[in-house]
Amino acid sequence: MNVRLLLVGRSERGLVTDGVEHYLGRLARTFPVEQVVLPEAGKGEPAYQQRVECERILAALRPGERVVVLDERGIQMTSPQFAGRIGSWRDQGARRIAFVIGGAYGMTDEVRQRADLVLSLSAMTFPHQLVRVLFAEQLYRASAILQGSPYHH
């Protein structure tokens, strides 16, 4: 199974980049992960920035790709439930999954409607840069759960 992370905006150097690379490096032993960085909209009203960024997200998605959008309006899952969803898709023959982490102003309805799963990491609000590290760890954890690794205990 191939995994792509669609990320809006560059990663901040330092802790964010180091944390993401740490977990994706561990994950590479199980399945390849490609990071696709989409440019931020730049200037303009928040609604404009959201719309432009989400158009870029939709354009980057591939036909037949399972799509997981991280969004505060999504459902919350435990780590084993999340791993189970990925494992179920794998067992059903899914070859590609794209995980989407948007920009500071979130997602449009069109992006959420394109998703196979809209996922919330927490009821709390986090900076979208920090979400990258949290999600990379959860993706690694899901892989470990599926392999029966003692990492998740």
C-alpha atoms as a PDB file:
ATOM      1  CA  MET A   1       0.000   0.000   0.000  1.00  0.00           C
ATOM      2  CA  ASN A   2       1.269   3.472  -0.893  1.00  0.00           C
ATOM      3  CA  VAL A   3       0.608   6.424   1.352  1.00  0.00           C
ATOM      4  CA  ARG A   4       0.732  10.102   0.500  1.00  0.00           C
ATOM      5  CA  LEU A   5       0.619  12.989   2.928  1.00  0.00           C
ATOM      6  CA  LEU A   6      -0.814  16.095   1.289  1.00  0.00           C
ATOM      7  CA  LEU A   7       0.314  19.062   3.353  1.00  0.00           C
ATOM      8  CA  VAL A   8      -0.563  22.696   2.789  1.00  0.00           C
ATOM      9  CA  GLY A   9       2.426  24.975   3.348  1.00  0.00           C
ATOM     10  CA  ARG A  10       6.051  24.340   4.126  1.00  0.00           C
ATOM     11  CA  SER A  11       7.038  22.644   7.355  1.00  0.00           C
ATOM     12  CA  GLU A  12       8.744  24.827   9.887  1.00  0.00           C
ATOM     13  CA  ARG A  13      12.335  23.805  10.384  1.00  0.00           C
ATOM     14  CA  GLY A  14      13.244  22.292  13.707  1.00  0.00           C
ATOM     15  CA  LEU A  15      10.913  20.297  15.900  1.00  0.00           C
ATOM     16  CA  VAL A  16       8.101  19.906  13.346  1.00  0.00           C
ATOM     17  CA  THR A  17      10.325  18.690  10.530  1.00  0.00           C
ATOM     18  CA  ASP A  18      12.426  16.532  12.867  1.00  0.00           C
ATOM     19  CA  GLY A  19       9.352  14.925  14.425  1.00  0.00           C
ATOM     20  CA  VAL A  20       7.667  14.173  11.114  1.00  0.00           C
ATOM     21  CA  GLU A  21      10.864  12.752   9.630  1.00  0.00           C
ATOM     22  CA  HIS A  22      11.428  10.612  12.731  1.00  0.00           C
ATOM     23  CA  TYR A  23       8.066   8.845  12.469  1.00  0.00           C
ATOM     24  CA  LEU A  24       7.969   8.663   8.678  1.00  0.00           C
ATOM     25  CA  GLY A  25      11.463   7.175   8.746  1.00  0.00           C
ATOM     26  CA  ARG A  26      10.245   4.428  11.053  1.00  0.00           C
ATOM     27  CA  LEU A  27       7.151   3.954   8.921  1.00  0.00           C
ATOM     28  CA  ALA A  28       9.188   3.535   5.720  1.00  0.00           C
ATOM     29  CA  ARG A  29      10.107   0.031   6.883  1.00  0.00           C
ATOM     30  CA  THR A  30       6.452  -0.943   6.475  1.00  0.00           C
ATOM     31  CA  PHE A  31       5.214   1.066   3.505  1.00  0.00           C
ATOM     32  CA  PRO A  32       6.413   4.042   1.516  1.00  0.00           C
ATOM     33  CA  VAL A  33       5.133   7.489   2.430  1.00  0.00           C
ATOM     34  CA  GLU A  34       5.362  10.376   0.012  1.00  0.00           C
ATOM     35  CA  GLN A  35       5.030  13.924   1.296  1.00  0.00           C
ATOM     36  CA  VAL A  36       3.404  16.331  -1.137  1.00  0.00           C
ATOM     37  CA  VAL A  37       3.661  19.951  -0.050  1.00  0.00           C
ATOM     38  CA  LEU A  38       1.066  22.229  -1.607  1.00  0.00           C
ATOM     39  CA  PRO A  39       1.704  25.983  -1.484  1.00  0.00           C
ATOM     40  CA  GLU A  40      -0.272  28.173   0.865  1.00  0.00           C
ATOM     41  CA  ALA A  41      -2.572  30.696  -0.763  1.00  0.00           C
ATOM     42  CA  GLY A  42      -0.521  33.521   0.671  1.00  0.00           C
ATOM     43  CA  LYS A  43      -2.412  36.736   1.141  1.00  0.00           C
ATOM     44  CA  GLY A  44      -6.095  37.466   1.186  1.00  0.00           C
ATOM     45  CA  GLU A  45      -9.146  36.962   3.321  1.00  0.00           C
ATOM     46  CA  PRO A  46      -9.379  33.651   5.204  1.00  0.00           C
ATOM     47  CA  ALA A  47     -12.235  32.401   2.985  1.00  0.00           C
ATOM     48  CA  TYR A  48     -10.172  33.133  -0.119  1.00  0.00           C
ATOM     49  CA  GLN A  49      -7.110  31.361   1.288  1.00  0.00           C
ATOM     50  CA  GLN A  50      -9.197  28.345   2.290  1.00  0.00           C
ATOM     51  CA  ARG A  51     -10.814  28.126  -1.156  1.00  0.00           C
ATOM     52  CA  VAL A  52      -7.503  28.398  -3.056  1.00  0.00           C
ATOM     53  CA  GLU A  53      -5.768  25.838  -0.849  1.00  0.00           C
ATOM     54  CA  CYS A  54      -8.662  23.402  -1.097  1.00  0.00           C
ATOM     55  CA  GLU A  55      -8.715  23.711  -4.893  1.00  0.00           C
ATOM     56  CA  ARG A  56      -5.048  22.710  -4.809  1.00  0.00           C
ATOM     57  CA  ILE A  57      -5.842  19.763  -2.553  1.00  0.00           C
ATOM     58  CA  LEU A  58      -8.613  18.506  -4.840  1.00  0.00           C
ATOM     59  CA  ALA A  59      -6.343  18.847  -7.876  1.00  0.00           C
ATOM     60  CA  ALA A  60      -3.623  16.791  -6.135  1.00  0.00           C
ATOM     61  CA  LEU A  61      -5.903  13.846  -5.292  1.00  0.00           C
ATOM     62  CA  ARG A  62      -5.693  10.845  -7.617  1.00  0.00           C
ATOM     63  CA  PRO A  63      -8.579   8.763  -8.965  1.00  0.00           C
ATOM     64  CA  GLY A  64      -9.170   5.623  -6.913  1.00  0.00           C
ATOM     65  CA  GLU A  65      -7.206   6.935  -3.966  1.00  0.00           C
ATOM     66  CA  ARG A  66      -8.730   6.554  -0.510  1.00  0.00           C
ATOM     67  CA  VAL A  67      -8.779   9.969   1.119  1.00  0.00           C
ATOM     68  CA  VAL A  68      -8.574  10.813   4.810  1.00  0.00           C
ATOM     69  CA  VAL A  69      -9.038  14.478   5.648  1.00  0.00           C
ATOM     70  CA  LEU A  70      -7.967  15.770   9.028  1.00  0.00           C
ATOM     71  CA  ASP A  71     -10.570  18.292  10.103  1.00  0.00           C
ATOM     72  CA  GLU A  72     -11.994  19.491  13.395  1.00  0.00           C
ATOM     73  CA  ARG A  73     -15.482  18.454  12.193  1.00  0.00           C
ATOM     74  CA  GLY A  74     -14.395  14.848  11.729  1.00  0.00           C
ATOM     75  CA  ILE A  75     -15.002  11.821  13.874  1.00  0.00           C
ATOM     76  CA  GLN A  76     -12.632  10.860  16.634  1.00  0.00           C
ATOM     77  CA  MET A  77     -11.208   7.358  16.760  1.00  0.00           C
ATOM     78  CA  THR A  78      -8.974   5.487  19.132  1.00  0.00           C
ATOM     79  CA  SER A  79      -5.601   4.432  17.761  1.00  0.00           C
ATOM     80  CA  PRO A  80      -6.755   0.789  17.398  1.00  0.00           C
ATOM     81  CA  GLN A  81      -9.902   1.931  15.566  1.00  0.00           C
ATOM     82  CA  PHE A  82      -7.821   4.026  13.189  1.00  0.00           C
ATOM     83  CA  ALA A  83      -5.447   1.111  12.580  1.00  0.00           C
ATOM     84  CA  GLY A  84      -8.460  -1.120  11.988  1.00  0.00           C
ATOM     85  CA  ARG A  85      -9.812   1.237   9.330  1.00  0.00           C
ATOM     86  CA  ILE A  86      -6.488   1.293   7.500  1.00  0.00           C
ATOM     87  CA  GLY A  87      -6.197  -2.488   7.812  1.00  0.00           C
ATOM     88  CA  SER A  88      -9.722  -2.945   6.491  1.00  0.00           C
ATOM     89  CA  TRP A  89      -8.988  -0.799   3.447  1.00  0.00           C
ATOM     90  CA  ARG A  90      -5.749  -2.713   2.876  1.00  0.00           C
ATOM     91  CA  ASP A  91      -7.590  -6.026   3.112  1.00  0.00           C
ATOM     92  CA  GLN A  92     -10.217  -4.769   0.654  1.00  0.00           C
ATOM     93  CA  GLY A  93      -7.449  -4.112  -1.862  1.00  0.00           C
ATOM     94  CA  ALA A  94      -6.896  -0.379  -1.445  1.00  0.00           C
ATOM     95  CA  ARG A  95      -3.584   0.412  -3.067  1.00  0.00           C
ATOM     96  CA  ARG A  96      -3.286   4.105  -2.232  1.00  0.00           C
ATOM     97  CA  ILE A  97      -4.343   6.299   0.674  1.00  0.00           C
ATOM     98  CA  ALA A  98      -3.924  10.061   0.816  1.00  0.00           C
ATOM     99  CA  PHE A  99      -3.984  11.796   4.171  1.00  0.00           C
ATOM    100  CA  VAL A 100      -4.724  15.503   3.902  1.00  0.00           C
ATOM    101  CA  ILE A 101      -3.621  18.139   6.402  1.00  0.00           C
ATOM    102  CA  GLY A 102      -4.839  21.530   5.293  1.00  0.00           C
ATOM    103  CA  GLY A 103      -3.772  25.043   6.049  1.00  0.00           C
ATOM    104  CA  ALA A 104      -4.573  27.336   8.939  1.00  0.00           C
ATOM    105  CA  TYR A 105      -8.128  28.019   7.742  1.00  0.00           C
ATOM    106  CA  GLY A 106      -9.227  24.407   7.356  1.00  0.00           C
ATOM    107  CA  MET A 107     -11.157  22.597   4.653  1.00  0.00           C
ATOM    108  CA  THR A 108     -14.057  23.393   2.378  1.00  0.00           C
ATOM    109  CA  ASP A 109     -17.154  21.223   2.134  1.00  0.00           C
ATOM    110  CA  GLU A 110     -15.943  19.957  -1.269  1.00  0.00           C
ATOM    111  CA  VAL A 111     -12.793  18.496   0.261  1.00  0.00           C
ATOM    112  CA  ARG A 112     -14.720  16.906   3.122  1.00  0.00           C
ATOM    113  CA  GLN A 113     -17.204  15.413   0.641  1.00  0.00           C
ATOM    114  CA  ARG A 114     -14.365  13.880  -1.400  1.00  0.00           C
ATOM    115  CA  ALA A 115     -13.017  12.142   1.699  1.00  0.00           C
ATOM    116  CA  ASP A 116     -13.609   8.519   2.578  1.00  0.00           C
ATOM    117  CA  LEU A 117     -12.979   9.498   6.180  1.00  0.00           C
ATOM    118  CA  VAL A 118     -13.026  12.885   7.887  1.00  0.00           C
ATOM    119  CA  LEU A 119     -10.942  12.492  11.023  1.00  0.00           C
ATOM    120  CA  SER A 120     -10.458  14.753  14.028  1.00  0.00           C
ATOM    121  CA  LEU A 121      -7.404  14.197  16.189  1.00  0.00           C
ATOM    122  CA  SER A 122      -8.999  16.003  19.119  1.00  0.00           C
ATOM    123  CA  ALA A 123     -11.796  18.318  20.146  1.00  0.00           C
ATOM    124  CA  MET A 124      -9.029  20.802  20.914  1.00  0.00           C
ATOM    125  CA  THR A 125      -7.537  23.101  18.279  1.00  0.00           C
ATOM    126  CA  PHE A 126      -3.883  22.609  17.326  1.00  0.00           C
ATOM    127  CA  PRO A 127      -1.606  24.567  15.009  1.00  0.00           C
ATOM    128  CA  HIS A 128      -1.663  22.850  11.629  1.00  0.00           C
ATOM    129  CA  GLN A 129       2.131  22.479  11.806  1.00  0.00           C
ATOM    130  CA  LEU A 130       1.899  20.538  15.074  1.00  0.00           C
ATOM    131  CA  VAL A 131      -0.820  18.308  13.625  1.00  0.00           C
ATOM    132  CA  ARG A 132       1.765  17.018  11.169  1.00  0.00           C
ATOM    133  CA  VAL A 133       3.888  15.570  13.970  1.00  0.00           C
ATOM    134  CA  LEU A 134       0.911  14.205  15.900  1.00  0.00           C
ATOM    135  CA  PHE A 135      -0.505  12.557  12.812  1.00  0.00           C
ATOM    136  CA  ALA A 136       2.820  11.104  11.658  1.00  0.00           C
ATOM    137  CA  GLU A 137       3.101   9.424  15.058  1.00  0.00           C
ATOM    138  CA  GLN A 138      -0.453   8.080  14.819  1.00  0.00           C
ATOM    139  CA  LEU A 139       0.211   6.732  11.348  1.00  0.00           C
ATOM    140  CA  TYR A 140       3.311   4.955  12.644  1.00  0.00           C
ATOM    141  CA  ARG A 141       1.319   3.689  15.638  1.00  0.00           C
ATOM    142  CA  ALA A 142      -1.394   2.325  13.328  1.00  0.00           C
ATOM    143  CA  SER A 143       1.248   0.462  11.352  1.00  0.00           C
ATOM    144  CA  ALA A 144       2.706  -0.966  14.565  1.00  0.00           C
ATOM    145  CA  ILE A 145      -0.747  -2.088  15.727  1.00  0.00           C
ATOM    146  CA  LEU A 146      -1.400  -3.820  12.407  1.00  0.00           C
ATOM    147  CA  GLN A 147       1.940  -5.630  12.676  1.00  0.00           C
ATOM    148  CA  GLY A 148       1.352  -6.667  16.280  1.00  0.00           C
ATOM    149  CA  SER A 149       4.347  -4.634  17.443  1.00  0.00           C
ATOM    150  CA  PRO A 150       4.633  -3.843  21.160  1.00  0.00           C
ATOM    151  CA  TYR A 151       5.003  -0.111  20.339  1.00  0.00           C
ATOM    152  CA  HIS A 152       1.311   0.405  21.121  1.00  0.00           C
ATOM    153  CA  HIS A 153       0.696  -0.825  24.649  1.00  0.00           C
END
